[in-house]
Amino acid sequence: MGVLEFITSLVAMVLGAITIWIVLLRKGRRRIKVEPDSSYNMGELATMADSLKERIDILEDILDAEVPDWREQNDHAAE
């Protein structure tokens, strides 16, 4: 039973580390709500643009890992 206990503890540690990592990432993210019919200054717009750019980069990294040739498939669909 030593191997089963080792695998169980390893999985628990990895899942715990991933959970903590996700929580820390979400806390560090600044939330700005977009409200219709309101004015924003350039700093707020720049912050929103940076946040969206970061999210796009993360999504592209996930797609690169899961579907390596997604960019080529998307280029052919656009033509």
Protein backbone atom coordinates (compact mmCIF):
# COMPACT_ATOMS: atom_id res chain seq x y z
CA MET A 1 0.00 0.00 0.00
CA GLY A 2 3.01 2.30 0.06
CA VAL A 3 2.74 3.14 -3.64
CA LEU A 4 -0.97 3.94 -3.42
CA GLU A 5 -0.41 6.23 -0.44
CA PHE A 6 2.46 7.96 -2.26
CA ILE A 7 0.37 8.55 -5.40
CA THR A 8 -2.59 9.79 -3.34
CA SER A 9 -0.43 12.24 -1.38
CA LEU A 10 1.30 13.41 -4.56
CA VAL A 11 -2.02 14.09 -6.29
CA ALA A 12 -3.31 15.92 -3.20
CA MET A 13 -0.21 18.14 -3.07
CA VAL A 14 -0.37 18.97 -6.77
CA LEU A 15 -4.08 19.80 -6.63
CA GLY A 16 -3.50 21.93 -3.54
CA ALA A 17 -0.68 23.84 -5.23
CA ILE A 18 -2.79 24.42 -8.35
CA THR A 19 -5.70 25.66 -6.23
CA ILE A 20 -3.48 28.11 -4.34
CA TRP A 21 -1.94 29.30 -7.60
CA ILE A 22 -5.36 29.97 -9.16
CA VAL A 23 -6.57 31.81 -6.05
CA LEU A 24 -3.48 34.02 -5.98
CA LEU A 25 -3.81 34.83 -9.68
CA ARG A 26 -7.45 35.81 -9.30
CA LYS A 27 -6.74 38.02 -6.28
CA GLY A 28 -3.99 39.85 -8.15
CA ARG A 29 -6.26 40.67 -11.06
CA ARG A 30 -7.87 44.09 -10.99
CA ARG A 31 -11.54 44.12 -11.85
CA ILE A 32 -12.94 47.08 -13.75
CA LYS A 33 -16.59 46.97 -14.69
CA VAL A 34 -17.55 48.44 -18.03
CA GLU A 35 -20.64 50.55 -17.66
CA PRO A 36 -22.60 51.81 -20.67
CA ASP A 37 -22.99 55.56 -21.11
CA SER A 38 -20.06 56.45 -18.88
CA SER A 39 -16.75 58.08 -19.59
CA TYR A 40 -13.36 56.57 -18.85
CA ASN A 41 -10.00 58.21 -18.65
CA MET A 42 -7.05 56.95 -20.66
CA GLY A 43 -5.54 55.16 -17.64
CA GLU A 44 -8.67 53.07 -17.11
CA LEU A 45 -8.85 52.21 -20.81
CA ALA A 46 -5.17 51.25 -20.85
CA THR A 47 -5.69 49.01 -17.82
CA MET A 48 -8.67 47.33 -19.47
CA ALA A 49 -6.69 46.83 -22.69
CA ASP A 50 -3.76 45.30 -20.79
CA SER A 51 -6.11 42.95 -18.96
CA LEU A 52 -7.77 41.85 -22.21
CA LYS A 53 -4.36 41.36 -23.88
CA GLU A 54 -3.26 39.17 -20.97
CA ARG A 55 -6.42 37.08 -21.24
CA ILE A 56 -5.97 36.64 -25.00
CA ASP A 57 -2.35 35.57 -24.49
CA ILE A 58 -3.42 32.98 -21.92
CA LEU A 59 -6.12 31.62 -24.24
CA GLU A 60 -3.64 31.42 -27.12
CA ASP A 61 -1.17 29.55 -24.88
CA ILE A 62 -3.90 27.06 -23.97
CA LEU A 63 -4.83 26.59 -27.63
CA ASP A 64 -1.15 26.16 -28.58
CA ALA A 65 -0.85 23.39 -25.99
CA GLU A 66 -4.13 21.65 -26.82
CA VAL A 67 -4.39 22.18 -30.60
CA PRO A 68 -0.89 22.88 -31.98
CA ASP A 69 -2.04 23.75 -35.52
CA TRP A 70 -5.04 25.92 -34.60
CA ARG A 71 -3.45 29.00 -36.14
CA GLU A 72 -3.11 27.34 -39.55
CA GLN A 73 -6.66 26.01 -39.36
CA ASN A 74 -7.94 29.49 -38.51
CA ASP A 75 -5.96 31.11 -41.36
CA HIS A 76 -7.57 28.80 -43.89
CA ALA A 77 -11.07 29.48 -42.54
CA ALA A 78 -10.58 33.25 -42.86
CA GLU A 79 -9.71 33.02 -46.56
